[in-house]
Amino acid sequence: MAFTQSHLTATLLTSILGAVLGPLQIGYHTGNVNAPAKIIEEFFNCTWRARHNHSMTDHSLTLLWSLSVSMKDFGALLGSLGVKYLADSYGRRNSILIANCLSVAAACIMFASKESELFEVLILGRMVFGLFCGLVMSLNPLYIQELSPTNLRGAFATLNQVSLASGTLIGMVAGLETTLGTKSNWAMMLSLSLIPALTQYLVLPFCPESPRYLLINQGEERKAESALLRLRDHADKVSCELEEMKEEAAHTQTGFTIRDFFQKQSYRQPILIVLLVNLGSQLSGFNAIINYSTKMFQAKFDDAKYLTLGVGVVNVIFTLVAFYFMERAGRRKLLLIGFLSIAVCNLLMTIVDSVLHLVPVLQSLQVLLVFCVISAYELGPGPISWFIAAELFDQPGRPIAMAFTSMVNWGGKFVLALLFPPLLKICGAYVYLIFMAVALLAFAFTWLRLPETKGRTFDDIAEEFRGADGIPLHNSSGFNTFT
């Protein structure tokens, strides 16, 4: 029903599908390092032996591998710093195309690592790709939400996560020994992200720029109207949206700085929401499972790589479930269900892992719990954490808010990717209790403070924060909602 009412056009769908080719690349490089980890570690060892005439210690190899995996996330943390400058200087669409250059460069660098016999080149390629990740995972939701009709804004933003999960699954398949995860082909496997990167250059230049950026940031009303006509193909809808944008422009502060962002009274509540929702999403265990699931399963199952592939399949399925429910259940409800489910699953994983040596038959239950963590994450925390900031802030604050989102998300991923292997060795099964505590904290904060943004215009949401001096309204049930 909602799709019919929104008068979807070929231009709108092409623009969104062209944009989500970016997260597809990111997902691919998230999933493709899992299964061939041993092969790439051996490449590290061979390189080290050629230089020093002795092998690396297991501890050093573990640290180097953790650094390689986490370097993408560290690069993304740095890349986040450029979001506001690119988005406001070159526009949303053009910024995505500029950032895409980093993906092309990174794929070429990673491909060259094997021929150069330098593991540092591979790590450098991962970091350059990380710069791309930090930019695109903020620019994409910004572009998609500013293109989308209000009643489909969340669903279309969720396609970002669908693409990310699909790329992760493709990367997992490509990394298998039966495909490209071999001693002779792993470098080529790392460079295959060139295909969606180059495809994006063929599609996005023909898509319109964000109408909100053209009108509110650039003052180009005619260009904004032309872009809206291409996206909506319905004059009445274009007229209504233009009026809504003009109302938002009337409240827009010019010359907005990062200092203004953190000092503005009405932004304090949204900043806290973005911080805790994103930290809860990234530090509740999902990323540890995605990055290290093969190693987690190897000790107990002969077919560990194929179980990891199952993780990828579940990941994709539940991003599609989230896409279906995003405009039906709303953001707040999906976050609550997701965080509570993750907390329960982490508690059960602690119990099962602690008694596994006594009751080996519980191995299958452990796999099921891993799948449940993936499902709960993708049902709400995964997709919503990346785009909720774009809904909570007005036009001048939106790019900085998305950069802040990206920094918190990628910072959390980096810390978890770097610390999970040593934490697992130190804490054993009890490491999942840390994840449980984080998920419960995020659940409690979401319950008490997060408003519902489903079906509301950007200006309407911003007005609630302005009118309440940064404190959302309460409904009769005591929950903080915008109703």
Protein backbone atom coordinates (compact mmCIF):
# COMPACT_ATOMS: atom_id res chain seq x y z
CA MET A 1 0.00 0.00 0.00
CA ALA A 2 2.71 2.47 1.00
CA PHE A 3 4.66 1.74 -2.15
CA THR A 4 1.64 2.46 -4.32
CA GLN A 5 0.86 5.71 -2.56
CA SER A 6 4.42 6.95 -2.95
CA HIS A 7 4.41 6.93 -6.78
CA LEU A 8 7.77 5.22 -7.09
CA THR A 9 9.67 6.22 -10.19
CA ALA A 10 12.48 4.60 -12.12
CA THR A 11 14.73 7.55 -11.25
CA LEU A 12 14.16 7.16 -7.50
CA LEU A 13 14.82 3.41 -7.55
CA THR A 14 17.87 3.78 -9.82
CA SER A 15 19.32 6.47 -7.54
CA ILE A 16 18.89 4.34 -4.42
CA LEU A 17 20.18 1.14 -6.03
CA GLY A 18 23.13 3.04 -7.48
CA ALA A 19 23.96 4.44 -4.05
CA VAL A 20 23.80 1.09 -2.23
CA LEU A 21 26.55 -0.32 -4.45
CA GLY A 22 28.87 1.38 -1.93
CA PRO A 23 27.78 -0.67 1.10
CA LEU A 24 27.91 -3.78 -1.14
CA GLN A 25 31.66 -3.21 -1.46
CA ILE A 26 32.01 -2.68 2.28
CA GLY A 27 30.14 -5.87 3.06
CA TYR A 28 32.29 -7.77 0.58
CA HIS A 29 35.49 -6.76 2.37
CA THR A 30 33.91 -7.56 5.72
CA GLY A 31 33.08 -11.13 4.72
CA ASN A 32 36.00 -12.10 2.48
CA VAL A 33 38.75 -12.14 5.14
CA ASN A 34 37.03 -14.67 7.40
CA ALA A 35 37.40 -18.05 5.69
CA PRO A 36 40.87 -17.53 4.12
CA ALA A 37 42.35 -16.20 7.37
CA LYS A 38 44.83 -19.11 7.68
CA ILE A 39 46.03 -18.66 4.11
CA ILE A 40 46.62 -14.93 4.52
CA GLU A 41 48.30 -15.52 7.90
CA GLU A 42 50.65 -17.95 6.14
CA PHE A 43 51.42 -15.20 3.61
CA PHE A 44 52.33 -12.94 6.55
CA ASN A 45 54.57 -15.70 7.97
CA CYS A 46 56.30 -16.38 4.63
CA THR A 47 57.01 -12.69 4.21
CA TRP A 48 58.42 -12.52 7.72
CA ARG A 49 60.59 -15.63 7.19
CA ALA A 50 62.00 -14.19 3.95
CA ARG A 51 63.16 -11.10 5.86
CA HIS A 52 64.28 -12.52 9.21
CA ASN A 53 64.95 -16.25 8.54
CA HIS A 54 62.51 -17.33 11.24
CA SER A 55 58.76 -17.62 11.67
CA MET A 56 56.58 -15.29 13.69
CA THR A 57 55.36 -16.44 17.08
CA ASP A 58 51.71 -17.40 17.35
CA HIS A 59 51.08 -14.40 19.60
CA SER A 60 52.65 -11.98 17.12
CA LEU A 61 50.75 -13.54 14.23
CA THR A 62 47.46 -13.19 16.15
CA LEU A 63 48.18 -9.54 16.86
CA LEU A 64 49.15 -8.86 13.24
CA TRP A 65 46.01 -10.55 11.95
CA SER A 66 43.87 -8.57 14.41
CA LEU A 67 45.57 -5.40 13.18
CA SER A 68 44.87 -6.34 9.55
CA VAL A 69 41.19 -6.99 10.23
CA SER A 70 40.73 -3.89 12.36
CA MET A 71 42.69 -1.53 10.09
CA LYS A 72 39.62 -1.14 7.85
CA ASP A 73 37.67 0.08 10.85
CA PHE A 74 40.47 2.43 11.91
CA GLY A 75 40.60 3.89 8.40
CA ALA A 76 36.82 4.33 8.51
CA LEU A 77 37.15 6.22 11.78
CA LEU A 78 39.52 8.66 10.04
CA GLY A 79 37.34 8.82 6.92
CA SER A 80 34.38 9.93 9.01
CA LEU A 81 36.13 13.24 9.63
CA GLY A 82 35.63 14.23 5.99
CA VAL A 83 31.87 13.66 5.77
CA LYS A 84 30.70 17.20 6.53
CA TYR A 85 33.23 18.86 4.22
CA LEU A 86 32.40 16.61 1.26
CA ALA A 87 28.62 16.57 1.80
CA ASP A 88 28.30 20.34 2.13
CA SER A 89 30.93 21.30 -0.46
CA TYR A 90 30.18 18.89 -3.31
CA GLY A 91 26.69 17.61 -2.58
CA ARG A 92 25.51 14.17 -1.46
CA ARG A 93 25.67 12.34 -4.81
CA ASN A 94 28.99 13.82 -5.96
CA SER A 95 30.56 13.08 -2.58
CA ILE A 96 29.68 9.39 -2.94
CA LEU A 97 31.38 9.37 -6.34
CA ILE A 98 34.48 11.10 -4.95
CA ALA A 99 34.69 8.62 -2.06
CA ASN A 100 34.39 5.74 -4.53
CA CYS A 101 37.88 6.62 -5.84
CA LEU A 102 39.27 5.35 -2.52
CA SER A 103 37.60 1.97 -3.03
CA VAL A 104 39.12 1.61 -6.50
CA ALA A 105 42.57 2.56 -5.17
CA ALA A 106 42.26 0.18 -2.20
CA ALA A 107 41.32 -2.80 -4.40
CA CYS A 108 44.38 -2.17 -6.57
CA ILE A 109 46.67 -1.86 -3.53
CA MET A 110 45.39 -5.08 -1.96
CA PHE A 111 45.81 -6.91 -5.26
CA ALA A 112 49.44 -5.73 -5.42
CA SER A 113 50.28 -7.03 -1.93
CA LYS A 114 50.86 -10.60 -3.06
CA GLU A 115 53.11 -9.70 -5.99
CA SER A 116 55.10 -7.24 -3.88
CA GLU A 117 55.39 -9.84 -1.08
CA LEU A 118 54.74 -7.13 1.48
CA PHE A 119 52.06 -7.73 4.08
CA GLU A 120 52.28 -3.99 4.89
CA VAL A 121 50.79 -3.29 1.45
CA LEU A 122 47.75 -5.42 2.30
CA ILE A 123 47.31 -3.58 5.62
CA LEU A 124 47.67 -0.23 3.80
CA GLY A 125 45.01 -1.32 1.28
CA ARG A 126 42.67 -2.22 4.13
CA MET A 127 43.20 1.20 5.70
CA VAL A 128 42.57 3.07 2.42
CA PHE A 129 39.41 1.04 1.96
CA GLY A 130 38.49 1.99 5.50
CA LEU A 131 38.62 5.68 4.54
CA PHE A 132 36.03 4.85 1.87
CA CYS A 133 33.90 3.01 4.44
CA GLY A 134 33.87 5.93 6.86
CA LEU A 135 32.69 8.33 4.17
CA VAL A 136 30.16 6.16 2.37
CA MET A 137 28.34 4.73 5.38
CA SER A 138 27.47 8.32 6.33
CA LEU A 139 26.99 9.83 2.88
CA ASN A 140 24.72 7.01 1.69
CA PRO A 141 21.99 7.28 4.36
CA LEU A 142 22.18 11.06 3.97
CA TYR A 143 21.60 10.86 0.21
CA ILE A 144 18.96 8.11 0.38
CA GLN A 145 16.90 9.77 3.12
CA GLU A 146 16.94 13.15 1.42
CA LEU A 147 15.71 11.55 -1.82
CA SER A 148 13.02 9.34 -0.30
CA PRO A 149 9.35 10.15 0.38
CA THR A 150 8.62 10.45 4.10
CA ASN A 151 6.57 7.26 4.40
CA LEU A 152 9.36 5.13 2.87
CA ARG A 153 12.37 6.95 4.28
CA GLY A 154 13.29 4.30 6.85
CA ALA A 155 12.63 1.35 4.55
CA PHE A 156 14.82 2.76 1.79
CA ALA A 157 17.57 3.63 4.30
CA THR A 158 17.44 -0.03 5.41
CA LEU A 159 18.41 -1.04 1.87
CA ASN A 160 21.86 0.24 2.83
CA GLN A 161 22.07 -2.58 5.37
CA VAL A 162 20.52 -5.11 2.97
CA SER A 163 23.29 -4.29 0.49
CA LEU A 164 25.95 -4.47 3.23
CA ALA A 165 24.70 -7.89 4.37
CA SER A 166 24.48 -9.15 0.78
CA GLY A 167 28.05 -8.01 0.15
CA THR A 168 29.16 -9.81 3.32
CA LEU A 169 27.58 -13.05 2.09
CA ILE A 170 29.17 -12.67 -1.35
CA GLY A 171 32.51 -12.04 0.35
CA MET A 172 32.11 -15.17 2.47
CA VAL A 173 31.40 -17.26 -0.62
CA ALA A 174 34.32 -15.72 -2.52
CA GLY A 175 36.63 -16.47 0.42
CA LEU A 176 35.94 -20.20 0.50
CA GLU A 177 38.70 -22.58 -0.62
CA THR A 178 36.31 -24.00 -3.20
CA THR A 179 36.03 -20.59 -4.89
CA LEU A 180 38.80 -17.95 -4.60
CA GLY A 181 40.08 -18.30 -1.03
CA THR A 182 43.19 -20.21 -2.11
CA LYS A 183 46.95 -19.54 -2.03
CA SER A 184 46.94 -18.66 -5.72
CA ASN A 185 43.72 -16.62 -5.92
CA TRP A 186 43.26 -14.74 -2.62
CA ALA A 187 44.76 -11.49 -3.97
CA MET A 188 42.38 -11.53 -6.95
CA MET A 189 39.52 -12.27 -4.56
CA LEU A 190 40.34 -9.09 -2.60
CA SER A 191 40.18 -6.98 -5.76
CA LEU A 192 36.69 -8.04 -6.95
CA SER A 193 35.09 -5.03 -5.25
CA LEU A 194 36.21 -3.16 -8.37
CA ILE A 195 33.12 -4.50 -10.16
CA PRO A 196 30.46 -2.67 -8.06
CA ALA A 197 32.79 0.34 -7.70
CA LEU A 198 33.07 0.82 -11.46
CA THR A 199 29.36 0.06 -11.92
CA GLN A 200 28.57 2.91 -9.54
CA TYR A 201 30.45 5.29 -11.84
CA LEU A 202 28.20 4.18 -14.70
CA VAL A 203 24.94 4.72 -12.76
CA LEU A 204 25.14 7.56 -10.22
CA PRO A 205 26.22 10.40 -12.56
CA PHE A 206 22.81 10.10 -14.25
CA CYS A 207 20.91 10.34 -10.93
CA PRO A 208 19.71 13.64 -9.40
CA GLU A 209 21.37 15.45 -6.54
CA SER A 210 19.51 15.66 -3.21
CA PRO A 211 16.71 18.25 -3.61
CA ARG A 212 17.12 19.27 0.04
CA TYR A 213 20.79 20.01 -0.53
CA LEU A 214 20.00 22.03 -3.66
CA LEU A 215 17.31 24.13 -1.97
CA ILE A 216 18.44 24.47 1.64
CA ASN A 217 22.22 24.42 1.22
CA GLN A 218 22.59 25.98 -2.23
CA GLY A 219 19.42 28.08 -2.53
CA GLU A 220 18.76 26.60 -5.99
CA GLU A 221 14.96 26.32 -5.96
CA ARG A 222 14.62 25.59 -9.67
CA LYS A 223 17.21 22.82 -9.57
CA ALA A 224 15.58 21.37 -6.47
CA GLU A 225 12.17 21.40 -8.16
CA SER A 226 13.63 19.77 -11.29
CA ALA A 227 15.28 17.03 -9.20
CA LEU A 228 12.02 16.42 -7.30
CA LEU A 229 10.06 16.15 -10.55
CA ARG A 230 12.45 13.45 -11.74
CA LEU A 231 12.17 11.61 -8.42
CA ARG A 232 8.40 11.91 -7.88
CA ASP A 233 6.97 12.49 -11.38
CA HIS A 234 3.94 14.06 -9.69
CA ALA A 235 3.50 17.85 -9.63
CA ASP A 236 1.27 17.94 -6.52
CA LYS A 237 3.78 15.97 -4.44
CA VAL A 238 6.62 18.16 -5.67
CA SER A 239 4.76 21.31 -4.61
CA CYS A 240 4.04 19.93 -1.13
CA GLU A 241 7.63 18.77 -0.59
CA LEU A 242 9.05 22.08 -1.75
CA GLU A 243 6.87 23.90 0.77
CA GLU A 244 8.04 21.57 3.54
CA MET A 245 11.68 22.19 2.55
CA LYS A 246 11.15 25.94 2.57
CA GLU A 247 9.72 25.71 6.09
CA GLU A 248 12.81 23.79 7.17
CA ALA A 249 15.04 26.34 5.41
CA ALA A 250 13.38 29.10 7.45
CA HIS A 251 14.72 27.47 10.64
CA THR A 252 18.14 26.71 9.17
CA GLN A 253 21.20 28.35 10.67
CA THR A 254 23.86 29.36 8.14
CA GLY A 255 27.59 28.99 8.71
CA PHE A 256 27.01 26.04 11.01
CA THR A 257 30.20 24.65 12.62
CA ILE A 258 31.14 21.54 14.57
CA ARG A 259 31.38 23.69 17.69
CA ASP A 260 27.81 24.92 17.09
CA PHE A 261 26.70 21.30 16.71
CA PHE A 262 27.88 20.30 20.18
CA GLN A 263 26.82 23.55 21.88
CA LYS A 264 23.30 23.81 20.47
CA GLN A 265 20.81 23.10 23.26
CA SER A 266 18.24 21.28 21.12
CA TYR A 267 20.93 18.90 19.81
CA ARG A 268 22.00 17.54 23.18
CA GLN A 269 19.29 14.90 23.44
CA PRO A 270 19.72 13.65 19.83
CA ILE A 271 23.52 13.49 20.28
CA LEU A 272 23.13 11.32 23.38
CA ILE A 273 20.62 9.09 21.55
CA VAL A 274 22.96 8.64 18.59
CA LEU A 275 25.93 7.91 20.86
CA LEU A 276 24.28 5.22 22.98
CA VAL A 277 22.28 3.54 20.22
CA ASN A 278 25.37 3.24 18.04
CA LEU A 279 27.68 2.08 20.81
CA GLY A 280 25.05 -0.46 21.84
CA SER A 281 24.83 -1.68 18.28
CA GLN A 282 28.56 -2.03 17.69
CA LEU A 283 29.71 -3.32 21.10
CA SER A 284 27.04 -5.95 21.71
CA GLY A 285 28.90 -8.77 19.94
CA PHE A 286 27.70 -8.84 16.34
CA ASN A 287 30.95 -7.62 14.80
CA ALA A 288 33.03 -10.15 16.74
CA ILE A 289 30.89 -12.93 15.28
CA ILE A 290 31.09 -11.58 11.73
CA ASN A 291 34.88 -11.09 11.83
CA TYR A 292 35.85 -14.21 13.75
CA SER A 293 33.01 -16.71 13.32
CA THR A 294 35.17 -19.18 11.38
CA LYS A 295 37.75 -19.29 14.19
CA MET A 296 34.97 -19.58 16.78
CA PHE A 297 33.51 -22.62 15.02
CA GLN A 298 36.80 -24.30 14.00
CA ALA A 299 37.51 -25.73 17.43
CA LYS A 300 34.22 -27.62 17.46
CA PHE A 301 33.16 -28.28 13.85
CA ASP A 302 34.89 -29.69 10.78
CA ASP A 303 32.69 -27.60 8.47
CA ALA A 304 33.31 -24.30 10.23
CA LYS A 305 33.58 -22.30 7.01
CA TYR A 306 30.16 -23.45 5.87
CA LEU A 307 28.63 -22.59 9.23
CA THR A 308 30.10 -19.13 8.75
CA LEU A 309 28.36 -19.04 5.38
CA GLY A 310 25.13 -19.77 7.26
CA VAL A 311 25.85 -16.66 9.34
CA GLY A 312 25.95 -14.67 6.11
CA VAL A 313 22.67 -16.14 4.86
CA VAL A 314 20.86 -15.35 8.15
CA ASN A 315 22.36 -11.87 8.01
CA VAL A 316 20.79 -11.19 4.60
CA ILE A 317 17.41 -12.73 5.47
CA PHE A 318 16.92 -10.55 8.54
CA THR A 319 17.96 -7.34 6.82
CA LEU A 320 15.10 -8.08 4.42
CA VAL A 321 12.79 -8.70 7.41
CA ALA A 322 13.87 -5.31 8.82
CA PHE A 323 13.18 -3.69 5.44
CA TYR A 324 9.63 -5.11 5.52
CA PHE A 325 8.88 -4.03 9.11
CA MET A 326 10.71 -0.68 9.22
CA GLU A 327 7.68 1.39 8.19
CA ARG A 328 5.19 -0.93 9.89
CA ALA A 329 6.62 -1.44 13.39
CA GLY A 330 8.73 1.71 13.58
CA ARG A 331 12.34 2.32 14.63
CA ARG A 332 11.87 2.33 18.41
CA LYS A 333 10.06 -1.01 18.67
CA LEU A 334 12.56 -2.79 16.40
CA LEU A 335 15.48 -1.43 18.45
CA LEU A 336 13.92 -2.60 21.72
CA ILE A 337 13.28 -6.10 20.38
CA GLY A 338 16.77 -6.26 18.87
CA PHE A 339 18.74 -5.14 21.93
CA LEU A 340 16.79 -7.33 24.36
CA SER A 341 17.17 -10.38 22.11
CA ILE A 342 20.92 -9.78 21.75
CA ALA A 343 21.30 -9.54 25.54
CA VAL A 344 19.41 -12.81 26.12
CA CYS A 345 21.41 -14.60 23.41
CA ASN A 346 24.73 -13.44 24.88
CA LEU A 347 23.71 -14.70 28.31
CA LEU A 348 22.76 -18.09 26.85
CA MET A 349 26.01 -18.24 24.86
CA THR A 350 27.95 -17.74 28.09
CA ILE A 351 26.09 -20.58 29.78
CA VAL A 352 26.36 -22.95 26.81
CA ASP A 353 30.06 -22.24 26.20
CA SER A 354 30.82 -22.74 29.90
CA VAL A 355 29.30 -26.24 30.03
CA LEU A 356 30.15 -27.33 26.48
CA HIS A 357 33.04 -29.53 27.64
CA LEU A 358 30.59 -31.38 29.90
CA VAL A 359 27.71 -31.60 27.40
CA PRO A 360 29.22 -31.67 23.86
CA VAL A 361 25.78 -32.13 22.32
CA LEU A 362 25.16 -28.42 23.03
CA GLN A 363 27.42 -27.50 20.10
CA SER A 364 24.40 -27.24 17.83
CA LEU A 365 22.66 -24.94 20.31
CA GLN A 366 25.71 -22.67 20.27
CA VAL A 367 25.46 -22.34 16.49
CA LEU A 368 21.76 -21.56 16.81
CA LEU A 369 22.50 -18.81 19.35
CA VAL A 370 25.06 -17.25 17.00
CA PHE A 371 22.40 -17.18 14.29
CA CYS A 372 19.97 -15.60 16.77
CA VAL A 373 22.44 -12.81 17.64
CA ILE A 374 22.81 -12.07 13.91
CA SER A 375 19.03 -12.06 13.46
CA ALA A 376 18.39 -9.74 16.40
CA TYR A 377 21.09 -7.31 15.29
CA GLU A 378 19.81 -7.03 11.72
CA LEU A 379 16.20 -6.73 12.83
CA GLY A 380 16.82 -3.32 14.38
CA PRO A 381 20.17 -2.16 15.81
CA GLY A 382 22.13 -2.88 12.63
CA PRO A 383 20.21 -0.86 10.04
CA ILE A 384 18.69 1.77 12.35
CA SER A 385 21.95 2.79 14.02
CA TRP A 386 23.32 3.96 10.67
CA PHE A 387 20.41 6.22 9.68
CA ILE A 388 18.67 7.36 12.87
CA ALA A 389 20.89 10.46 13.12
CA ALA A 390 19.69 11.68 9.72
CA GLU A 391 16.13 11.70 11.08
CA LEU A 392 16.85 13.35 14.44
CA PHE A 393 18.74 16.40 13.12
CA ASP A 394 17.79 19.29 10.85
CA GLN A 395 19.60 20.19 7.62
CA PRO A 396 22.63 22.10 9.00
CA GLY A 397 23.32 19.50 11.68
CA ARG A 398 22.62 16.41 9.57
CA PRO A 399 26.06 16.01 7.89
CA ILE A 400 27.90 16.46 11.20
CA ALA A 401 25.48 14.06 12.88
CA MET A 402 26.15 11.44 10.21
CA ALA A 403 29.91 11.97 10.57
CA PHE A 404 29.49 11.52 14.33
CA THR A 405 27.46 8.35 13.70
CA SER A 406 30.18 7.01 11.45
CA MET A 407 32.93 7.78 13.98
CA VAL A 408 31.07 6.05 16.81
CA ASN A 409 30.15 3.05 14.65
CA TRP A 410 33.56 2.51 13.11
CA GLY A 411 35.33 3.33 16.36
CA GLY A 412 33.30 0.63 18.07
CA LYS A 413 34.03 -1.83 15.25
CA PHE A 414 37.75 -1.05 15.42
CA VAL A 415 37.95 -1.54 19.19
CA LEU A 416 36.00 -4.79 19.05
CA ALA A 417 37.95 -6.23 16.09
CA LEU A 418 41.24 -5.41 17.82
CA LEU A 419 40.34 -6.55 21.35
CA PHE A 420 38.05 -9.53 20.82
CA PRO A 421 40.77 -12.19 20.19
CA PRO A 422 42.80 -11.33 23.33
CA LEU A 423 39.60 -10.86 25.37
CA LEU A 424 38.40 -14.29 24.28
CA LYS A 425 41.68 -15.82 25.43
CA ILE A 426 41.55 -14.01 28.79
CA CYS A 427 37.83 -14.25 29.61
CA GLY A 428 36.79 -17.33 27.67
CA ALA A 429 33.01 -17.75 27.60
CA TYR A 430 32.51 -14.83 29.97
CA VAL A 431 33.40 -12.35 27.22
CA TYR A 432 29.75 -12.61 26.11
CA LEU A 433 28.64 -11.15 29.44
CA ILE A 434 30.35 -7.90 28.44
CA PHE A 435 28.29 -7.88 25.24
CA MET A 436 25.16 -8.64 27.26
CA ALA A 437 25.76 -5.68 29.58
CA VAL A 438 26.20 -3.32 26.63
CA ALA A 439 23.01 -4.57 24.97
CA LEU A 440 21.02 -4.15 28.19
CA LEU A 441 22.31 -0.60 28.65
CA ALA A 442 21.26 0.24 25.08
CA PHE A 443 17.85 -1.38 25.66
CA ALA A 444 17.24 0.64 28.82
CA PHE A 445 18.21 3.91 27.18
CA THR A 446 16.09 3.19 24.11
CA TRP A 447 13.11 2.37 26.35
CA LEU A 448 13.46 5.59 28.32
CA ARG A 449 14.63 8.18 25.84
CA LEU A 450 14.33 7.29 22.15
CA PRO A 451 11.46 8.93 20.23
CA GLU A 452 9.64 7.35 17.28
CA THR A 453 10.47 9.02 13.96
CA LYS A 454 8.40 6.85 11.63
CA GLY A 455 6.25 8.81 9.18
CA ARG A 456 7.30 12.28 10.35
CA THR A 457 8.93 14.98 8.25
CA PHE A 458 12.46 16.18 9.08
CA ASP A 459 11.19 19.60 10.11
CA ASP A 460 8.45 18.08 12.28
CA ILE A 461 11.00 16.02 14.22
CA ALA A 462 13.38 18.96 14.58
CA GLU A 463 10.51 21.18 15.78
CA GLU A 464 9.73 18.75 18.61
CA PHE A 465 13.30 19.04 19.89
CA ARG A 466 13.31 22.81 19.49
CA GLY A 467 9.92 23.20 21.15
CA ALA A 468 10.75 20.95 24.08
CA ASP A 469 14.21 22.44 24.60
CA GLY A 470 15.82 19.12 23.79
CA ILE A 471 13.44 16.87 25.75
CA PRO A 472 11.03 14.65 23.77
CA LEU A 473 7.34 14.54 24.58
CA HIS A 474 5.88 11.82 26.77
CA ASN A 475 2.80 9.83 25.88
CA SER A 476 0.29 8.48 28.34
CA SER A 477 2.20 5.23 28.76
CA GLY A 478 5.29 7.03 29.92
CA PHE A 479 7.36 6.24 26.80
CA ASN A 480 9.19 9.03 25.00
CA THR A 481 7.63 9.27 21.57
CA PHE A 482 6.79 11.78 18.91
CA THR A 483 3.04 11.34 18.62
